[in-house]
N, C-alpha and C. Protein backbone atom coordinates (compact mmCIF):
# COMPACT_ATOMS: atom_id res chain seq x y z
N UNK A 1 3.83 14.55 11.85
CA UNK A 1 3.06 13.70 10.97
C UNK A 1 2.96 12.32 11.56
N UNK A 2 1.83 11.74 11.40
CA UNK A 2 1.62 10.41 11.94
C UNK A 2 1.61 9.41 10.80
N UNK A 3 2.41 8.38 10.92
CA UNK A 3 2.44 7.33 9.92
C UNK A 3 2.24 6.02 10.63
N UNK A 4 1.05 5.70 11.00
CA UNK A 4 0.79 4.56 11.87
C UNK A 4 1.03 3.22 11.24
N UNK A 5 1.57 2.32 12.01
CA UNK A 5 1.69 0.91 11.67
C UNK A 5 0.77 0.23 12.66
N UNK A 6 -0.37 -0.23 12.25
CA UNK A 6 -1.38 -0.70 13.20
C UNK A 6 -1.76 -2.13 12.90
N UNK A 7 -1.31 -3.04 13.71
CA UNK A 7 -1.68 -4.44 13.54
C UNK A 7 -1.12 -5.21 14.73
N UNK A 8 -1.96 -6.01 15.37
CA UNK A 8 -1.52 -6.77 16.54
C UNK A 8 -0.44 -7.79 16.20
N UNK A 9 -0.38 -8.24 14.95
CA UNK A 9 0.62 -9.24 14.58
C UNK A 9 1.94 -8.60 14.15
N UNK A 10 1.98 -7.29 14.07
CA UNK A 10 3.19 -6.58 13.65
C UNK A 10 4.30 -6.82 14.66
N UNK A 11 5.50 -6.97 14.16
CA UNK A 11 6.67 -7.14 15.02
C UNK A 11 7.17 -5.75 15.41
N UNK A 12 6.70 -5.20 16.53
CA UNK A 12 7.04 -3.82 16.87
C UNK A 12 8.54 -3.56 17.00
N UNK A 13 9.27 -4.47 17.60
CA UNK A 13 10.71 -4.23 17.77
C UNK A 13 11.41 -4.14 16.42
N UNK A 14 11.05 -5.02 15.50
CA UNK A 14 11.63 -4.97 14.15
C UNK A 14 11.26 -3.67 13.45
N UNK A 15 10.02 -3.27 13.59
CA UNK A 15 9.55 -2.04 12.95
C UNK A 15 10.31 -0.84 13.50
N UNK A 16 10.46 -0.77 14.81
CA UNK A 16 11.15 0.37 15.42
C UNK A 16 12.61 0.41 14.96
N UNK A 17 13.27 -0.75 14.89
CA UNK A 17 14.66 -0.79 14.41
C UNK A 17 14.75 -0.29 12.97
N UNK A 18 13.83 -0.75 12.12
CA UNK A 18 13.87 -0.35 10.71
C UNK A 18 13.51 1.12 10.54
N UNK A 19 12.59 1.63 11.34
CA UNK A 19 12.24 3.05 11.28
C UNK A 19 13.45 3.89 11.68
N UNK A 20 14.18 3.45 12.69
CA UNK A 20 15.40 4.17 13.10
C UNK A 20 16.40 4.22 11.94
N UNK A 21 16.55 3.10 11.22
CA UNK A 21 17.48 3.05 10.08
C UNK A 21 17.00 3.96 8.95
N UNK A 22 15.71 4.00 8.70
CA UNK A 22 15.14 4.88 7.67
C UNK A 22 15.42 6.33 8.03
N UNK A 23 15.21 6.67 9.29
CA UNK A 23 15.46 8.02 9.78
C UNK A 23 16.91 8.43 9.53
N UNK A 24 17.84 7.55 9.88
CA UNK A 24 19.27 7.84 9.71
C UNK A 24 19.64 7.95 8.23
N UNK A 25 19.10 7.04 7.42
CA UNK A 25 19.43 7.01 5.99
C UNK A 25 19.01 8.30 5.28
N UNK A 26 17.89 8.86 5.69
CA UNK A 26 17.36 10.06 5.02
C UNK A 26 17.69 11.35 5.76
N UNK A 27 18.28 11.24 6.95
CA UNK A 27 18.59 12.43 7.73
C UNK A 27 17.36 13.18 8.19
N UNK A 28 16.30 12.41 8.47
CA UNK A 28 15.02 12.98 8.88
C UNK A 28 14.72 12.48 10.30
N UNK A 29 14.51 13.39 11.26
CA UNK A 29 14.19 12.93 12.61
C UNK A 29 12.83 12.23 12.65
N UNK A 30 12.81 11.01 13.18
CA UNK A 30 11.57 10.26 13.34
C UNK A 30 11.54 9.73 14.77
N UNK A 31 10.47 10.03 15.47
CA UNK A 31 10.29 9.55 16.83
C UNK A 31 9.09 8.62 16.81
N UNK A 32 9.27 7.41 17.32
CA UNK A 32 8.21 6.41 17.28
C UNK A 32 7.62 6.23 18.67
N UNK A 33 6.32 6.45 18.76
CA UNK A 33 5.60 6.18 20.00
C UNK A 33 4.66 5.01 19.71
N UNK A 34 4.17 4.38 20.75
CA UNK A 34 3.34 3.19 20.55
C UNK A 34 2.28 3.09 21.62
N UNK A 35 1.23 2.38 21.28
CA UNK A 35 0.23 1.99 22.27
C UNK A 35 0.81 0.81 23.03
N UNK A 36 0.65 0.77 24.30
CA UNK A 36 1.22 -0.29 25.13
C UNK A 36 0.70 -1.66 24.70
N UNK A 37 1.62 -2.51 24.28
CA UNK A 37 1.40 -3.94 24.06
C UNK A 37 0.43 -4.33 22.95
N UNK A 38 0.07 -3.40 22.03
CA UNK A 38 -0.84 -3.84 20.97
C UNK A 38 -0.27 -3.73 19.57
N UNK A 39 0.99 -3.31 19.43
CA UNK A 39 1.60 -3.26 18.11
C UNK A 39 1.22 -2.04 17.29
N UNK A 40 0.52 -1.08 17.89
CA UNK A 40 0.12 0.13 17.18
C UNK A 40 1.21 1.17 17.35
N UNK A 41 1.96 1.42 16.27
CA UNK A 41 3.07 2.36 16.30
C UNK A 41 2.70 3.65 15.59
N UNK A 42 3.24 4.74 16.09
CA UNK A 42 3.04 6.04 15.47
C UNK A 42 4.41 6.70 15.25
N UNK A 43 5.04 6.44 14.11
CA UNK A 43 6.29 7.14 13.82
C UNK A 43 5.96 8.59 13.46
N UNK A 44 6.55 9.51 14.17
CA UNK A 44 6.31 10.94 13.97
C UNK A 44 7.52 11.53 13.26
N UNK A 45 7.32 12.00 12.05
CA UNK A 45 8.39 12.63 11.29
C UNK A 45 8.39 14.11 11.64
N UNK A 46 9.52 14.59 12.13
CA UNK A 46 9.61 15.97 12.59
C UNK A 46 10.14 16.84 11.45
N UNK A 47 9.37 17.89 11.15
CA UNK A 47 9.72 18.81 10.07
C UNK A 47 9.61 20.23 10.59
N UNK A 48 10.57 21.05 10.25
CA UNK A 48 10.55 22.45 10.62
C UNK A 48 9.44 23.15 9.84
N UNK A 49 8.47 23.68 10.55
CA UNK A 49 7.33 24.35 9.91
C UNK A 49 7.76 25.57 9.09
N UNK A 50 8.91 26.14 9.43
CA UNK A 50 9.39 27.32 8.70
C UNK A 50 9.79 26.98 7.27
N UNK A 51 9.95 25.70 6.96
CA UNK A 51 10.32 25.31 5.60
C UNK A 51 9.20 25.58 4.60
N UNK A 52 7.97 25.62 5.08
CA UNK A 52 6.84 25.92 4.21
C UNK A 52 6.42 24.78 3.30
N UNK A 53 6.99 23.63 3.46
CA UNK A 53 6.64 22.46 2.66
C UNK A 53 7.44 21.27 3.15
N UNK A 54 7.22 20.14 2.52
CA UNK A 54 7.93 18.94 2.92
C UNK A 54 9.08 18.65 1.98
N UNK A 55 10.29 18.55 2.52
CA UNK A 55 11.45 18.21 1.68
C UNK A 55 11.31 16.80 1.10
N UNK A 56 11.98 16.56 -0.01
CA UNK A 56 11.95 15.24 -0.64
C UNK A 56 12.35 14.13 0.32
N UNK A 57 13.33 14.39 1.19
CA UNK A 57 13.78 13.37 2.14
C UNK A 57 12.65 12.92 3.05
N UNK A 58 11.75 13.83 3.40
CA UNK A 58 10.60 13.48 4.24
C UNK A 58 9.66 12.55 3.48
N UNK A 59 9.35 12.90 2.23
CA UNK A 59 8.48 12.05 1.41
C UNK A 59 9.09 10.66 1.23
N UNK A 60 10.39 10.60 1.00
CA UNK A 60 11.07 9.31 0.80
C UNK A 60 11.05 8.49 2.08
N UNK A 61 11.34 9.12 3.22
CA UNK A 61 11.30 8.41 4.51
C UNK A 61 9.89 7.91 4.80
N UNK A 62 8.90 8.76 4.57
CA UNK A 62 7.51 8.36 4.81
C UNK A 62 7.14 7.17 3.94
N UNK A 63 7.52 7.21 2.67
CA UNK A 63 7.22 6.09 1.77
C UNK A 63 7.83 4.79 2.25
N UNK A 64 9.07 4.85 2.73
CA UNK A 64 9.72 3.64 3.24
C UNK A 64 9.05 3.15 4.52
N UNK A 65 8.64 4.07 5.39
CA UNK A 65 7.96 3.68 6.62
C UNK A 65 6.62 3.02 6.30
N UNK A 66 5.88 3.58 5.36
CA UNK A 66 4.59 3.00 5.00
C UNK A 66 4.76 1.64 4.33
N UNK A 67 5.76 1.51 3.47
CA UNK A 67 6.04 0.22 2.84
C UNK A 67 6.42 -0.81 3.90
N UNK A 68 7.18 -0.39 4.89
CA UNK A 68 7.56 -1.28 6.01
C UNK A 68 6.31 -1.76 6.74
N UNK A 69 5.41 -0.84 7.05
CA UNK A 69 4.18 -1.21 7.76
C UNK A 69 3.42 -2.28 6.99
N UNK A 70 3.28 -2.09 5.68
CA UNK A 70 2.54 -3.06 4.86
C UNK A 70 3.30 -4.39 4.78
N UNK A 71 4.63 -4.32 4.62
CA UNK A 71 5.43 -5.53 4.52
C UNK A 71 5.35 -6.37 5.80
N UNK A 72 5.23 -5.71 6.95
CA UNK A 72 5.16 -6.43 8.22
C UNK A 72 3.74 -6.82 8.60
N UNK A 73 2.79 -6.60 7.69
CA UNK A 73 1.41 -7.02 7.95
C UNK A 73 0.57 -5.97 8.63
N UNK A 74 1.06 -4.75 8.70
CA UNK A 74 0.31 -3.68 9.33
C UNK A 74 -0.52 -2.92 8.31
N UNK A 75 -0.91 -1.74 8.69
CA UNK A 75 -1.73 -0.89 7.85
C UNK A 75 -1.26 0.55 7.97
N UNK A 76 -1.61 1.37 7.01
CA UNK A 76 -1.26 2.79 7.07
C UNK A 76 -2.20 3.54 8.00
N UNK A 77 -3.38 3.01 8.17
CA UNK A 77 -4.38 3.72 8.96
C UNK A 77 -4.36 3.23 10.38
N UNK A 78 -4.62 4.13 11.26
CA UNK A 78 -4.80 3.80 12.66
C UNK A 78 -6.14 4.36 13.06
N UNK A 79 -6.26 4.72 14.29
CA UNK A 79 -7.53 5.27 14.75
C UNK A 79 -7.78 6.67 14.20
N UNK A 80 -6.78 7.27 13.54
CA UNK A 80 -6.92 8.64 13.04
C UNK A 80 -7.27 8.70 11.56
N UNK A 81 -7.30 7.59 10.86
CA UNK A 81 -7.66 7.60 9.45
C UNK A 81 -6.51 8.00 8.55
N UNK A 82 -6.84 8.47 7.35
CA UNK A 82 -5.84 8.82 6.34
C UNK A 82 -5.99 10.29 6.00
N UNK A 83 -4.90 11.00 6.13
CA UNK A 83 -4.91 12.43 5.82
C UNK A 83 -4.11 12.72 4.57
N UNK A 84 -3.50 13.86 4.55
CA UNK A 84 -2.80 14.34 3.36
C UNK A 84 -1.56 13.51 3.05
N UNK A 85 -0.73 13.25 4.05
CA UNK A 85 0.54 12.58 3.80
C UNK A 85 0.34 11.17 3.24
N UNK A 86 -0.59 10.43 3.78
CA UNK A 86 -0.75 9.02 3.39
C UNK A 86 -1.59 8.82 2.13
N UNK A 87 -2.18 9.87 1.63
CA UNK A 87 -3.11 9.77 0.50
C UNK A 87 -2.54 8.97 -0.67
N UNK A 88 -1.29 9.22 -1.03
CA UNK A 88 -0.73 8.55 -2.21
C UNK A 88 -0.44 7.07 -1.98
N UNK A 89 -0.46 6.60 -0.73
CA UNK A 89 -0.17 5.20 -0.46
C UNK A 89 -1.41 4.37 -0.13
N UNK A 90 -2.50 5.01 0.26
CA UNK A 90 -3.66 4.26 0.74
C UNK A 90 -4.30 3.39 -0.35
N UNK A 91 -4.32 3.85 -1.57
CA UNK A 91 -4.91 3.05 -2.65
C UNK A 91 -4.15 1.75 -2.84
N UNK A 92 -2.85 1.79 -2.69
CA UNK A 92 -2.03 0.58 -2.80
C UNK A 92 -2.39 -0.42 -1.71
N UNK A 93 -2.59 0.07 -0.49
CA UNK A 93 -2.94 -0.83 0.61
C UNK A 93 -4.33 -1.42 0.43
N UNK A 94 -5.30 -0.58 0.08
CA UNK A 94 -6.68 -1.04 0.02
C UNK A 94 -6.99 -1.86 -1.23
N UNK A 95 -6.32 -1.55 -2.33
CA UNK A 95 -6.67 -2.16 -3.60
C UNK A 95 -7.78 -1.35 -4.24
N UNK A 96 -7.94 -1.46 -5.56
CA UNK A 96 -8.88 -0.59 -6.27
C UNK A 96 -10.33 -0.74 -5.83
N UNK A 97 -10.79 -1.95 -5.59
CA UNK A 97 -12.21 -2.15 -5.24
C UNK A 97 -12.52 -1.56 -3.87
N UNK A 98 -11.72 -1.89 -2.86
CA UNK A 98 -11.97 -1.38 -1.51
C UNK A 98 -11.80 0.14 -1.45
N UNK A 99 -10.84 0.66 -2.20
CA UNK A 99 -10.62 2.11 -2.22
C UNK A 99 -11.84 2.80 -2.83
N UNK A 100 -12.39 2.24 -3.89
CA UNK A 100 -13.59 2.82 -4.51
C UNK A 100 -14.77 2.80 -3.54
N UNK A 101 -14.93 1.71 -2.79
CA UNK A 101 -16.02 1.62 -1.80
C UNK A 101 -15.84 2.70 -0.74
N UNK A 102 -14.61 2.86 -0.23
CA UNK A 102 -14.35 3.89 0.79
C UNK A 102 -14.73 5.28 0.26
N UNK A 103 -14.36 5.55 -0.98
CA UNK A 103 -14.65 6.87 -1.56
C UNK A 103 -16.16 7.07 -1.74
N UNK A 104 -16.87 6.00 -2.14
CA UNK A 104 -18.33 6.10 -2.30
C UNK A 104 -19.02 6.32 -0.96
N UNK A 105 -18.53 5.67 0.09
CA UNK A 105 -19.10 5.88 1.43
C UNK A 105 -18.91 7.33 1.85
N UNK A 106 -17.70 7.84 1.66
CA UNK A 106 -17.41 9.24 2.01
C UNK A 106 -18.33 10.17 1.23
N UNK A 107 -18.50 9.91 -0.05
CA UNK A 107 -19.37 10.73 -0.89
C UNK A 107 -20.82 10.67 -0.42
N UNK A 108 -21.28 9.48 -0.03
CA UNK A 108 -22.66 9.33 0.43
C UNK A 108 -22.90 10.08 1.75
N UNK A 109 -21.92 10.04 2.63
CA UNK A 109 -22.07 10.69 3.93
C UNK A 109 -21.75 12.19 3.90
N UNK A 110 -21.01 12.60 2.89
CA UNK A 110 -20.56 13.99 2.79
C UNK A 110 -20.63 14.47 1.34
N UNK A 111 -21.84 14.55 0.76
CA UNK A 111 -21.96 14.89 -0.66
C UNK A 111 -21.43 16.27 -1.03
N UNK A 112 -21.38 17.19 -0.07
CA UNK A 112 -20.88 18.53 -0.36
C UNK A 112 -19.38 18.67 -0.04
N UNK A 113 -18.75 17.61 0.47
CA UNK A 113 -17.32 17.64 0.75
C UNK A 113 -16.91 18.62 1.83
N UNK A 114 -17.77 18.78 2.86
CA UNK A 114 -17.47 19.75 3.90
C UNK A 114 -16.87 19.13 5.16
N UNK A 115 -16.92 17.80 5.27
CA UNK A 115 -16.36 17.13 6.45
C UNK A 115 -14.90 16.79 6.19
N UNK A 116 -14.03 17.39 6.96
CA UNK A 116 -12.59 17.14 6.82
C UNK A 116 -12.14 17.36 5.39
N UNK A 117 -12.38 18.54 4.83
CA UNK A 117 -12.07 18.79 3.41
C UNK A 117 -10.58 18.62 3.10
N UNK A 118 -10.32 18.08 1.93
CA UNK A 118 -8.95 17.90 1.46
C UNK A 118 -8.27 16.64 1.96
N UNK A 119 -8.96 15.88 2.79
CA UNK A 119 -8.38 14.65 3.32
C UNK A 119 -8.81 13.48 2.44
N UNK A 120 -8.06 12.39 2.52
CA UNK A 120 -8.32 11.25 1.64
C UNK A 120 -9.56 10.48 2.06
N UNK A 121 -9.63 10.08 3.30
CA UNK A 121 -10.78 9.31 3.80
C UNK A 121 -11.18 9.82 5.16
């Protein structure tokens, strides 16, 4: 799963340290990769596919990672957009007006809901 922290002003070293602490606190493996020198981080939460779903610890770790990204001035979205995992947090980041605009744009461009079905944006 990708939980991007994307912002040039983000303190990447602080983010990586805090993500490591979140990983340890929840007992969830998280590996953070980054774009060279631009502050774009991709914490990857590793989950055994055989579980058939996401354990609560994964949801809790993801929520803390996303809150960290916002607190440090980053964003939940990167170049990959918002999928299933981030759906519950994106409205908080965007605010109600911007979130409504995003949904209207998606609806205008995809009135039948066939492009990337089931995804948030």
